[in-house]
Amino acid sequence: MVRRPVAWVTALVLLAEAIGVALLNWFLGVVVDRQDMSLAGLDSDTMAVSSKIGGLVFGLYFVACAVSALLVGVRDRAPGLVGRVLLISAAVVHALLGAFTVGLVGWGAFVFMMVVLGLIVFTLLAYDRREAGPVDAAPPGGGGDGEGLRREDGAGQGAGQGGAVDLGKDAGDGRHGDGRHGDGGTTVVPPPAPSPS
């Protein structure tokens, strides 16, 4: 399917971004250190070291995101909790960077950030945990048989109650073998047999 190549491409793009961000911040730190620049009274050495540390931190962060996307493509299954958090945070970072780079760099950088954002979101949505099968499905031989037994018991109880009612009706009629009815103690005499002609 297409989701595995997309996950691999996402991993490669994030890895390239990690290298690019680390090199860019390191280069800026070297430039600040050599030019002996200062911003709002800050020491140039502090700014250079901060830029280099920031480049390393962001580079390692994007490397971790790239490894998460690569594991998704290799295993062909949804990422774990840590990988999902990393990819979601990377998507948020790229959305914010895309908004900032429109005015600072241009529309080309914005398009690039949106493409990377789309790759990350597609990787997250293509691997859904629910596609492995219904989690709440009833086990074989489970609730169906029990329900059938409950229905049979209910039917038996209903039949028993109906039988009791029928017996009550028969008892209320009070029919006896001699043709007498037992309601109120009245004796019913059968009609005489016809006489032979």
N, C-alpha and C. Protein backbone atom coordinates (compact mmCIF):
# COMPACT_ATOMS: atom_id res chain seq x y z
N MET A 1 0.84 -1.19 0.00
CA MET A 1 0.00 0.00 0.00
C MET A 1 0.88 1.25 0.00
N VAL A 2 0.23 2.41 -0.15
CA VAL A 2 0.97 3.65 -0.29
C VAL A 2 1.42 4.20 1.06
N ARG A 3 0.87 3.71 2.14
CA ARG A 3 1.18 4.32 3.43
C ARG A 3 2.61 4.02 3.88
N ARG A 4 3.16 2.87 3.52
CA ARG A 4 4.54 2.57 3.91
C ARG A 4 5.54 3.46 3.18
N PRO A 5 5.43 3.64 1.85
CA PRO A 5 6.34 4.61 1.19
C PRO A 5 6.20 6.03 1.73
N VAL A 6 4.98 6.42 2.07
CA VAL A 6 4.79 7.76 2.63
C VAL A 6 5.49 7.89 3.98
N ALA A 7 5.41 6.85 4.80
CA ALA A 7 6.11 6.88 6.09
C ALA A 7 7.62 6.96 5.89
N TRP A 8 8.15 6.22 4.91
CA TRP A 8 9.59 6.28 4.64
C TRP A 8 10.00 7.66 4.13
N VAL A 9 9.21 8.24 3.24
CA VAL A 9 9.51 9.59 2.74
C VAL A 9 9.46 10.60 3.88
N THR A 10 8.47 10.45 4.77
CA THR A 10 8.38 11.34 5.93
C THR A 10 9.63 11.23 6.81
N ALA A 11 10.10 10.00 7.01
CA ALA A 11 11.31 9.82 7.82
C ALA A 11 12.52 10.47 7.16
N LEU A 12 12.66 10.31 5.84
CA LEU A 12 13.80 10.92 5.15
C LEU A 12 13.74 12.44 5.20
N VAL A 13 12.54 13.01 5.01
CA VAL A 13 12.40 14.47 5.04
C VAL A 13 12.72 15.01 6.43
N LEU A 14 12.22 14.33 7.47
CA LEU A 14 12.51 14.78 8.84
C LEU A 14 14.00 14.66 9.17
N LEU A 15 14.63 13.61 8.66
CA LEU A 15 16.07 13.47 8.89
C LEU A 15 16.85 14.58 8.18
N ALA A 16 16.43 14.90 6.95
CA ALA A 16 17.08 16.01 6.24
C ALA A 16 16.86 17.33 6.97
N GLU A 17 15.66 17.52 7.51
CA GLU A 17 15.41 18.74 8.29
C GLU A 17 16.27 18.79 9.54
N ALA A 18 16.46 17.65 10.19
CA ALA A 18 17.31 17.62 11.39
C ALA A 18 18.73 18.05 11.07
N ILE A 19 19.27 17.51 9.98
CA ILE A 19 20.63 17.89 9.59
C ILE A 19 20.69 19.37 9.19
N GLY A 20 19.68 19.82 8.45
CA GLY A 20 19.67 21.22 8.01
C GLY A 20 19.54 22.19 9.17
N VAL A 21 18.65 21.90 10.12
CA VAL A 21 18.48 22.81 11.27
C VAL A 21 19.73 22.85 12.12
N ALA A 22 20.34 21.69 12.35
CA ALA A 22 21.57 21.65 13.16
C ALA A 22 22.70 22.43 12.49
N LEU A 23 22.87 22.23 11.19
CA LEU A 23 23.94 22.94 10.48
C LEU A 23 23.69 24.44 10.42
N LEU A 24 22.42 24.83 10.22
CA LEU A 24 22.10 26.25 10.13
C LEU A 24 22.38 26.95 11.46
N ASN A 25 21.94 26.37 12.55
CA ASN A 25 22.18 27.00 13.85
C ASN A 25 23.67 27.01 14.22
N TRP A 26 24.36 25.96 13.85
CA TRP A 26 25.80 25.93 14.11
C TRP A 26 26.51 27.02 13.30
N PHE A 27 26.10 27.18 12.05
CA PHE A 27 26.69 28.23 11.20
C PHE A 27 26.41 29.61 11.77
N LEU A 28 25.18 29.84 12.24
CA LEU A 28 24.85 31.14 12.82
C LEU A 28 25.67 31.40 14.09
N GLY A 29 25.87 30.34 14.88
CA GLY A 29 26.70 30.51 16.07
C GLY A 29 28.13 30.86 15.73
N VAL A 30 28.67 30.23 14.70
CA VAL A 30 30.05 30.55 14.28
C VAL A 30 30.14 31.98 13.76
N VAL A 31 29.15 32.42 12.98
CA VAL A 31 29.16 33.78 12.45
C VAL A 31 29.11 34.81 13.57
N VAL A 32 28.21 34.57 14.55
CA VAL A 32 28.11 35.51 15.67
C VAL A 32 29.41 35.56 16.45
N ASP A 33 30.04 34.39 16.63
CA ASP A 33 31.29 34.36 17.40
C ASP A 33 32.42 35.08 16.68
N ARG A 34 32.53 34.93 15.37
CA ARG A 34 33.63 35.55 14.63
C ARG A 34 33.41 37.05 14.42
N GLN A 35 32.16 37.45 14.26
CA GLN A 35 31.89 38.87 14.04
C GLN A 35 31.82 39.67 15.33
N ASP A 36 31.86 38.98 16.45
CA ASP A 36 31.80 39.63 17.76
C ASP A 36 30.57 40.53 17.86
N MET A 37 29.41 39.96 17.47
CA MET A 37 28.16 40.71 17.49
C MET A 37 27.55 40.69 18.89
N SER A 38 26.65 41.65 19.12
CA SER A 38 25.94 41.73 20.39
C SER A 38 24.52 42.17 20.14
N LEU A 39 23.58 41.62 20.89
CA LEU A 39 22.17 41.94 20.74
C LEU A 39 21.59 42.26 22.11
N ALA A 40 21.16 43.52 22.27
CA ALA A 40 20.57 43.99 23.53
C ALA A 40 21.52 43.77 24.71
N GLY A 41 22.82 43.97 24.49
CA GLY A 41 23.79 43.85 25.56
C GLY A 41 24.22 42.44 25.88
N LEU A 42 23.77 41.45 25.10
CA LEU A 42 24.17 40.06 25.36
C LEU A 42 25.59 39.81 24.87
N ASP A 43 26.27 38.92 25.55
CA ASP A 43 27.62 38.57 25.17
C ASP A 43 27.59 37.75 23.89
N SER A 44 28.53 38.01 23.01
CA SER A 44 28.57 37.28 21.74
C SER A 44 28.87 35.79 21.96
N ASP A 45 29.68 35.49 22.94
CA ASP A 45 29.97 34.08 23.23
C ASP A 45 28.71 33.35 23.70
N THR A 46 27.91 34.01 24.53
CA THR A 46 26.65 33.41 25.00
C THR A 46 25.70 33.15 23.84
N MET A 47 25.61 34.13 22.94
CA MET A 47 24.73 33.95 21.78
C MET A 47 25.22 32.83 20.89
N ALA A 48 26.51 32.72 20.69
CA ALA A 48 27.05 31.67 19.82
C ALA A 48 26.80 30.29 20.42
N VAL A 49 27.08 30.17 21.73
CA VAL A 49 26.86 28.87 22.39
C VAL A 49 25.38 28.51 22.40
N SER A 50 24.52 29.48 22.65
CA SER A 50 23.07 29.22 22.66
C SER A 50 22.58 28.76 21.29
N SER A 51 23.09 29.39 20.23
CA SER A 51 22.69 29.00 18.89
C SER A 51 23.13 27.56 18.57
N LYS A 52 24.34 27.22 18.97
CA LYS A 52 24.82 25.86 18.71
C LYS A 52 24.04 24.83 19.52
N ILE A 53 23.76 25.14 20.78
CA ILE A 53 22.98 24.20 21.61
C ILE A 53 21.56 24.04 21.06
N GLY A 54 20.96 25.17 20.65
CA GLY A 54 19.62 25.08 20.06
C GLY A 54 19.60 24.25 18.79
N GLY A 55 20.63 24.38 17.97
CA GLY A 55 20.71 23.58 16.76
C GLY A 55 20.83 22.09 17.07
N LEU A 56 21.63 21.76 18.07
CA LEU A 56 21.77 20.35 18.45
C LEU A 56 20.46 19.78 19.03
N VAL A 57 19.80 20.58 19.86
CA VAL A 57 18.54 20.10 20.47
C VAL A 57 17.47 19.88 19.41
N PHE A 58 17.31 20.86 18.53
CA PHE A 58 16.30 20.71 17.47
C PHE A 58 16.69 19.60 16.49
N GLY A 59 17.99 19.46 16.25
CA GLY A 59 18.42 18.37 15.37
C GLY A 59 18.11 17.01 15.96
N LEU A 60 18.38 16.81 17.24
CA LEU A 60 18.06 15.54 17.90
C LEU A 60 16.54 15.30 17.95
N TYR A 61 15.81 16.38 18.14
CA TYR A 61 14.34 16.25 18.15
C TYR A 61 13.81 15.76 16.81
N PHE A 62 14.27 16.36 15.73
CA PHE A 62 13.83 15.92 14.40
C PHE A 62 14.35 14.52 14.06
N VAL A 63 15.52 14.16 14.59
CA VAL A 63 16.02 12.80 14.39
C VAL A 63 15.10 11.80 15.08
N ALA A 64 14.66 12.13 16.30
CA ALA A 64 13.72 11.25 17.00
C ALA A 64 12.41 11.11 16.24
N CYS A 65 11.92 12.21 15.68
CA CYS A 65 10.69 12.15 14.86
C CYS A 65 10.91 11.31 13.61
N ALA A 66 12.09 11.44 13.00
CA ALA A 66 12.39 10.65 11.81
C ALA A 66 12.47 9.16 12.14
N VAL A 67 13.06 8.82 13.29
CA VAL A 67 13.13 7.42 13.70
C VAL A 67 11.73 6.87 13.95
N SER A 68 10.85 7.66 14.56
CA SER A 68 9.47 7.21 14.78
C SER A 68 8.75 6.93 13.47
N ALA A 69 8.90 7.83 12.50
CA ALA A 69 8.27 7.60 11.20
C ALA A 69 8.89 6.41 10.47
N LEU A 70 10.20 6.23 10.64
CA LEU A 70 10.86 5.08 10.00
C LEU A 70 10.39 3.76 10.60
N LEU A 71 10.22 3.71 11.92
CA LEU A 71 9.70 2.50 12.56
C LEU A 71 8.27 2.19 12.12
N VAL A 72 7.50 3.25 11.91
CA VAL A 72 6.13 3.03 11.40
C VAL A 72 6.16 2.39 10.03
N GLY A 73 7.06 2.87 9.16
CA GLY A 73 7.14 2.29 7.82
C GLY A 73 7.71 0.89 7.81
N VAL A 74 8.67 0.62 8.68
CA VAL A 74 9.27 -0.72 8.70
C VAL A 74 8.32 -1.74 9.29
N ARG A 75 7.68 -1.40 10.40
CA ARG A 75 6.77 -2.34 11.07
C ARG A 75 5.40 -2.41 10.42
N ASP A 76 5.06 -1.37 9.65
CA ASP A 76 3.75 -1.28 9.00
C ASP A 76 2.61 -1.35 10.02
N ARG A 77 2.74 -0.59 11.07
CA ARG A 77 1.69 -0.50 12.06
C ARG A 77 1.76 0.86 12.74
N ALA A 78 0.74 1.17 13.52
CA ALA A 78 0.64 2.49 14.13
C ALA A 78 1.76 2.70 15.14
N PRO A 79 2.21 3.94 15.30
CA PRO A 79 3.28 4.20 16.27
C PRO A 79 2.76 4.06 17.69
N GLY A 80 3.70 3.88 18.61
CA GLY A 80 3.35 3.82 20.02
C GLY A 80 3.02 5.19 20.58
N LEU A 81 2.91 5.24 21.89
CA LEU A 81 2.53 6.50 22.53
C LEU A 81 3.60 7.56 22.33
N VAL A 82 4.87 7.19 22.54
CA VAL A 82 5.96 8.17 22.39
C VAL A 82 6.08 8.62 20.93
N GLY A 83 6.02 7.66 20.01
CA GLY A 83 6.11 8.02 18.60
C GLY A 83 4.96 8.88 18.15
N ARG A 84 3.75 8.59 18.65
CA ARG A 84 2.59 9.40 18.27
C ARG A 84 2.73 10.83 18.80
N VAL A 85 3.21 10.97 20.03
CA VAL A 85 3.41 12.30 20.60
C VAL A 85 4.46 13.08 19.80
N LEU A 86 5.55 12.39 19.43
CA LEU A 86 6.60 13.06 18.66
C LEU A 86 6.08 13.53 17.30
N LEU A 87 5.34 12.67 16.62
CA LEU A 87 4.84 13.05 15.28
C LEU A 87 3.80 14.15 15.36
N ILE A 88 2.94 14.10 16.37
CA ILE A 88 1.94 15.17 16.52
C ILE A 88 2.62 16.50 16.82
N SER A 89 3.62 16.47 17.71
CA SER A 89 4.34 17.72 18.01
C SER A 89 5.09 18.23 16.79
N ALA A 90 5.64 17.31 15.98
CA ALA A 90 6.31 17.75 14.76
C ALA A 90 5.33 18.39 13.79
N ALA A 91 4.11 17.85 13.72
CA ALA A 91 3.10 18.47 12.86
C ALA A 91 2.76 19.88 13.34
N VAL A 92 2.63 20.05 14.65
CA VAL A 92 2.33 21.38 15.19
C VAL A 92 3.48 22.34 14.91
N VAL A 93 4.72 21.89 15.08
CA VAL A 93 5.89 22.73 14.82
C VAL A 93 5.93 23.17 13.37
N HIS A 94 5.64 22.25 12.45
CA HIS A 94 5.69 22.62 11.03
C HIS A 94 4.55 23.57 10.66
N ALA A 95 3.41 23.43 11.32
CA ALA A 95 2.32 24.37 11.06
C ALA A 95 2.71 25.78 11.52
N LEU A 96 3.34 25.88 12.69
CA LEU A 96 3.77 27.20 13.17
C LEU A 96 4.89 27.77 12.32
N LEU A 97 5.84 26.92 11.95
CA LEU A 97 6.93 27.40 11.08
C LEU A 97 6.42 27.85 9.73
N GLY A 98 5.41 27.15 9.21
CA GLY A 98 4.83 27.56 7.95
C GLY A 98 4.19 28.93 8.03
N ALA A 99 3.53 29.21 9.17
CA ALA A 99 2.91 30.52 9.35
C ALA A 99 3.96 31.62 9.46
N PHE A 100 5.10 31.32 10.11
CA PHE A 100 6.13 32.35 10.29
C PHE A 100 6.96 32.57 9.03
N THR A 101 7.19 31.50 8.27
CA THR A 101 8.09 31.63 7.11
C THR A 101 7.45 32.34 5.93
N VAL A 102 6.14 32.56 5.96
CA VAL A 102 5.51 33.28 4.85
C VAL A 102 6.08 34.69 4.74
N GLY A 103 6.16 35.38 5.87
CA GLY A 103 6.67 36.75 5.83
C GLY A 103 8.19 36.84 5.88
N LEU A 104 8.83 35.85 6.52
CA LEU A 104 10.29 35.94 6.68
C LEU A 104 11.06 35.42 5.47
N VAL A 105 10.59 34.31 4.91
CA VAL A 105 11.33 33.67 3.81
C VAL A 105 10.57 33.81 2.49
N GLY A 106 9.32 33.42 2.49
CA GLY A 106 8.53 33.47 1.25
C GLY A 106 7.58 32.29 1.15
N TRP A 107 6.83 32.27 0.05
CA TRP A 107 5.83 31.24 -0.14
C TRP A 107 6.44 29.88 -0.43
N GLY A 108 7.64 29.85 -0.95
CA GLY A 108 8.29 28.56 -1.21
C GLY A 108 8.53 27.78 0.07
N ALA A 109 9.03 28.47 1.10
CA ALA A 109 9.24 27.82 2.39
C ALA A 109 7.92 27.41 3.02
N PHE A 110 6.88 28.23 2.82
CA PHE A 110 5.57 27.88 3.34
C PHE A 110 5.03 26.61 2.70
N VAL A 111 5.19 26.50 1.38
CA VAL A 111 4.73 25.30 0.67
C VAL A 111 5.49 24.07 1.16
N PHE A 112 6.79 24.22 1.36
CA PHE A 112 7.60 23.09 1.85
C PHE A 112 7.11 22.64 3.23
N MET A 113 6.87 23.58 4.12
CA MET A 113 6.39 23.24 5.45
C MET A 113 5.02 22.56 5.41
N MET A 114 4.16 23.02 4.51
CA MET A 114 2.84 22.41 4.41
C MET A 114 2.92 21.00 3.83
N VAL A 115 3.86 20.78 2.91
CA VAL A 115 4.04 19.43 2.36
C VAL A 115 4.51 18.47 3.45
N VAL A 116 5.47 18.91 4.26
CA VAL A 116 5.95 18.07 5.36
C VAL A 116 4.83 17.84 6.37
N LEU A 117 4.05 18.88 6.64
CA LEU A 117 2.90 18.72 7.54
C LEU A 117 1.91 17.70 7.01
N GLY A 118 1.64 17.74 5.71
CA GLY A 118 0.73 16.76 5.12
C GLY A 118 1.27 15.34 5.21
N LEU A 119 2.59 15.17 5.01
CA LEU A 119 3.19 13.84 5.13
C LEU A 119 3.05 13.30 6.55
N ILE A 120 3.29 14.14 7.53
CA ILE A 120 3.19 13.68 8.92
C ILE A 120 1.76 13.33 9.28
N VAL A 121 0.82 14.18 8.88
CA VAL A 121 -0.59 13.91 9.20
C VAL A 121 -1.08 12.64 8.49
N PHE A 122 -0.67 12.45 7.24
CA PHE A 122 -1.05 11.23 6.52
C PHE A 122 -0.48 9.99 7.20
N THR A 123 0.75 10.08 7.67
CA THR A 123 1.35 8.94 8.37
C THR A 123 0.59 8.61 9.65
N LEU A 124 0.13 9.65 10.34
CA LEU A 124 -0.62 9.41 11.58
C LEU A 124 -2.00 8.83 11.30
N LEU A 125 -2.66 9.33 10.28
CA LEU A 125 -4.03 8.89 10.01
C LEU A 125 -4.11 7.58 9.25
N ALA A 126 -3.08 7.26 8.47
CA ALA A 126 -3.13 6.03 7.68
C ALA A 126 -3.01 4.79 8.55
N TYR A 127 -2.33 4.93 9.67
CA TYR A 127 -2.16 3.79 10.58
C TYR A 127 -3.08 4.01 11.77
N ASP A 128 -4.24 3.41 11.66
CA ASP A 128 -5.22 3.52 12.72
C ASP A 128 -5.21 2.24 13.52
N ARG A 129 -5.28 2.35 14.85
CA ARG A 129 -5.25 1.15 15.70
C ARG A 129 -6.50 0.30 15.50
N ARG A 130 -7.62 0.89 15.13
CA ARG A 130 -8.85 0.13 15.01
C ARG A 130 -8.89 -0.77 13.80
N GLU A 131 -7.96 -0.59 12.85
CA GLU A 131 -8.01 -1.42 11.64
C GLU A 131 -7.55 -2.85 11.89
N ALA A 132 -6.96 -3.12 13.08
CA ALA A 132 -6.53 -4.48 13.39
C ALA A 132 -7.70 -5.40 13.64
N GLY A 133 -8.89 -4.87 13.89
CA GLY A 133 -10.07 -5.70 14.13
C GLY A 133 -10.89 -5.08 15.23
N PRO A 134 -12.19 -5.42 15.30
CA PRO A 134 -13.03 -4.87 16.35
C PRO A 134 -12.58 -5.35 17.72
N VAL A 135 -12.31 -4.40 18.59
CA VAL A 135 -11.82 -4.76 19.91
C VAL A 135 -12.94 -5.31 20.78
N ASP A 136 -14.13 -4.74 20.62
CA ASP A 136 -15.23 -5.13 21.49
C ASP A 136 -16.06 -6.26 20.91
N ALA A 137 -15.50 -7.06 19.98
CA ALA A 137 -16.26 -8.17 19.43
C ALA A 137 -16.41 -9.26 20.47
N ALA A 138 -17.57 -9.94 20.47
CA ALA A 138 -17.82 -10.99 21.44
C ALA A 138 -16.99 -12.21 21.11
N PRO A 139 -16.39 -12.87 22.10
CA PRO A 139 -15.58 -14.07 21.83
C PRO A 139 -16.44 -15.21 21.35
N PRO A 140 -15.86 -16.14 20.57
CA PRO A 140 -16.65 -17.27 20.07
C PRO A 140 -17.17 -18.12 21.20
N GLY A 141 -18.45 -18.50 21.11
CA GLY A 141 -19.06 -19.32 22.15
C GLY A 141 -19.35 -18.54 23.40
N GLY A 142 -19.45 -17.23 23.30
CA GLY A 142 -19.63 -16.40 24.49
C GLY A 142 -21.05 -16.01 24.72
N GLY A 143 -21.33 -14.73 24.42
CA GLY A 143 -22.63 -14.18 24.79
C GLY A 143 -23.78 -14.74 24.01
N GLY A 144 -23.53 -15.29 22.80
CA GLY A 144 -24.65 -15.79 22.01
C GLY A 144 -25.32 -16.98 22.65
N ASP A 145 -24.54 -17.97 23.14
CA ASP A 145 -25.11 -19.14 23.76
C ASP A 145 -25.81 -18.78 25.05
N GLY A 146 -25.18 -17.89 25.82
CA GLY A 146 -25.80 -17.49 27.07
C GLY A 146 -27.12 -16.81 26.84
N GLU A 147 -27.19 -16.00 25.78
CA GLU A 147 -28.44 -15.32 25.49
C GLU A 147 -29.50 -16.32 25.07
N GLY A 148 -29.06 -17.32 24.28
CA GLY A 148 -30.01 -18.35 23.88
C GLY A 148 -30.53 -19.12 25.07
N LEU A 149 -29.64 -19.43 26.03
CA LEU A 149 -30.08 -20.12 27.22
C LEU A 149 -31.03 -19.27 28.03
N ARG A 150 -30.74 -17.97 28.10
CA ARG A 150 -31.63 -17.09 28.84
C ARG A 150 -32.99 -17.03 28.17
N ARG A 151 -32.98 -17.01 26.82
CA ARG A 151 -34.27 -16.98 26.12
C ARG A 151 -35.05 -18.27 26.35
N GLU A 152 -34.31 -19.41 26.33
CA GLU A 152 -34.99 -20.68 26.56
C GLU A 152 -35.55 -20.74 27.97
N ASP A 153 -34.77 -20.24 28.95
CA ASP A 153 -35.27 -20.24 30.32
C ASP A 153 -36.50 -19.35 30.43
N GLY A 154 -36.43 -18.18 29.74
CA GLY A 154 -37.60 -17.30 29.79
C GLY A 154 -38.82 -17.95 29.15
N ALA A 155 -38.59 -18.66 28.04
CA ALA A 155 -39.71 -19.33 27.40
C ALA A 155 -40.27 -20.41 28.30
N GLY A 156 -39.37 -21.13 28.99
CA GLY A 156 -39.83 -22.18 29.90
C GLY A 156 -40.61 -21.62 31.05
N GLN A 157 -40.14 -20.47 31.58
CA GLN A 157 -40.86 -19.84 32.66
C GLN A 157 -42.24 -19.39 32.19
N GLY A 158 -42.27 -18.81 30.93
CA GLY A 158 -43.57 -18.38 30.41
C GLY A 158 -44.50 -19.55 30.21
N ALA A 159 -43.94 -20.68 29.73
CA ALA A 159 -44.78 -21.85 29.53
C ALA A 159 -45.30 -22.37 30.86
N GLY A 160 -44.42 -22.35 31.89
CA GLY A 160 -44.85 -22.80 33.21
C GLY A 160 -45.95 -21.94 33.77
N GLN A 161 -45.82 -20.62 33.57
CA GLN A 161 -46.87 -19.74 34.04
C GLN A 161 -48.16 -19.96 33.29
N GLY A 162 -48.04 -20.16 31.96
CA GLY A 162 -49.25 -20.42 31.17
C GLY A 162 -49.92 -21.71 31.60
N GLY A 163 -49.08 -22.73 31.89
CA GLY A 163 -49.65 -23.98 32.33
C GLY A 163 -50.38 -23.83 33.64
N ALA A 164 -49.80 -23.01 34.54
CA ALA A 164 -50.47 -22.79 35.81
C ALA A 164 -51.80 -22.10 35.62
N VAL A 165 -51.84 -21.16 34.69
CA VAL A 165 -53.11 -20.46 34.42
C VAL A 165 -54.12 -21.42 33.84
N ASP A 166 -53.67 -22.27 32.89
CA ASP A 166 -54.60 -23.22 32.30
C ASP A 166 -55.13 -24.19 33.34
N LEU A 167 -54.25 -24.62 34.23
CA LEU A 167 -54.71 -25.53 35.27
C LEU A 167 -55.70 -24.84 36.19
N GLY A 168 -55.42 -23.56 36.43
CA GLY A 168 -56.35 -22.81 37.27
C GLY A 168 -57.70 -22.70 36.62
N LYS A 169 -57.68 -22.47 35.28
CA LYS A 169 -58.97 -22.36 34.58
C LYS A 169 -59.72 -23.68 34.62
N ASP A 170 -58.96 -24.76 34.39
CA ASP A 170 -59.62 -26.07 34.45
C ASP A 170 -60.16 -26.36 35.82
N ALA A 171 -59.39 -25.98 36.85
CA ALA A 171 -59.88 -26.21 38.20
C ALA A 171 -61.08 -25.33 38.50
N GLY A 172 -61.08 -24.11 37.95
CA GLY A 172 -62.21 -23.21 38.18
C GLY A 172 -63.47 -23.72 37.51
N ASP A 173 -63.32 -24.39 36.37
CA ASP A 173 -64.51 -24.92 35.71
C ASP A 173 -65.16 -26.00 36.55
N GLY A 174 -64.33 -26.77 37.23
CA GLY A 174 -64.87 -27.76 38.15
C GLY A 174 -65.58 -28.89 37.47
N ARG A 175 -65.13 -29.31 36.30
CA ARG A 175 -65.77 -30.42 35.62
C ARG A 175 -65.37 -31.74 36.27
N HIS A 176 -66.36 -32.59 36.47
CA HIS A 176 -66.13 -33.90 37.05
C HIS A 176 -66.56 -34.97 36.06
N GLY A 177 -66.16 -36.15 36.36
CA GLY A 177 -66.51 -37.22 35.44
C GLY A 177 -67.99 -37.55 35.41
N ASP A 178 -68.75 -37.20 36.44
CA ASP A 178 -70.18 -37.54 36.46
C ASP A 178 -71.04 -36.48 35.86
N GLY A 179 -70.45 -35.48 35.18
CA GLY A 179 -71.25 -34.46 34.51
C GLY A 179 -71.66 -33.33 35.40
N ARG A 180 -71.17 -33.31 36.64
CA ARG A 180 -71.54 -32.23 37.54
C ARG A 180 -70.49 -31.15 37.51
N HIS A 181 -70.95 -29.93 37.70
CA HIS A 181 -70.06 -28.77 37.80
C HIS A 181 -69.96 -28.37 39.24
N GLY A 182 -68.74 -27.97 39.62
CA GLY A 182 -68.51 -27.66 41.02
C GLY A 182 -68.67 -26.21 41.35
N ASP A 183 -69.24 -25.35 40.49
CA ASP A 183 -69.39 -23.94 40.82
C ASP A 183 -70.67 -23.73 41.61
N GLY A 184 -70.56 -23.35 42.86
CA GLY A 184 -71.72 -23.04 43.70
C GLY A 184 -72.42 -24.29 44.24
N GLY A 185 -71.93 -25.50 44.02
CA GLY A 185 -72.55 -26.73 44.55
C GLY A 185 -73.79 -27.17 43.83
N THR A 186 -74.10 -26.64 42.65
CA THR A 186 -75.30 -27.01 41.89
C THR A 186 -75.06 -28.29 41.13
N THR A 187 -76.01 -29.25 41.26
CA THR A 187 -75.89 -30.53 40.57
C THR A 187 -76.59 -30.45 39.23
N VAL A 188 -75.96 -30.85 38.24
CA VAL A 188 -76.52 -30.84 36.89
C VAL A 188 -76.87 -32.27 36.51
N VAL A 189 -78.13 -32.48 36.19
CA VAL A 189 -78.60 -33.83 35.84
C VAL A 189 -78.58 -33.98 34.34
N PRO A 190 -77.98 -35.02 33.82
CA PRO A 190 -77.98 -35.22 32.36
C PRO A 190 -79.35 -35.58 31.84
N PRO A 191 -79.66 -35.27 30.59
CA PRO A 191 -80.99 -35.59 30.04
C PRO A 191 -81.18 -37.10 29.93
N PRO A 192 -82.45 -37.55 30.02
CA PRO A 192 -82.70 -39.01 29.93
C PRO A 192 -82.40 -39.56 28.56
N ALA A 193 -82.05 -40.80 28.54
CA ALA A 193 -81.77 -41.44 27.25
C ALA A 193 -83.08 -41.71 26.51
N PRO A 194 -83.09 -41.64 25.18
CA PRO A 194 -84.32 -41.88 24.40
C PRO A 194 -84.77 -43.33 24.54
N SER A 195 -86.08 -43.49 24.64
CA SER A 195 -86.66 -44.84 24.81
C SER A 195 -86.72 -45.56 23.47
N PRO A 196 -86.51 -46.84 23.50
CA PRO A 196 -86.57 -47.58 22.21
C PRO A 196 -87.98 -47.62 21.68
N SER A 197 -88.17 -47.52 20.43
CA SER A 197 -89.50 -47.51 19.82
C SER A 197 -90.00 -48.93 19.60
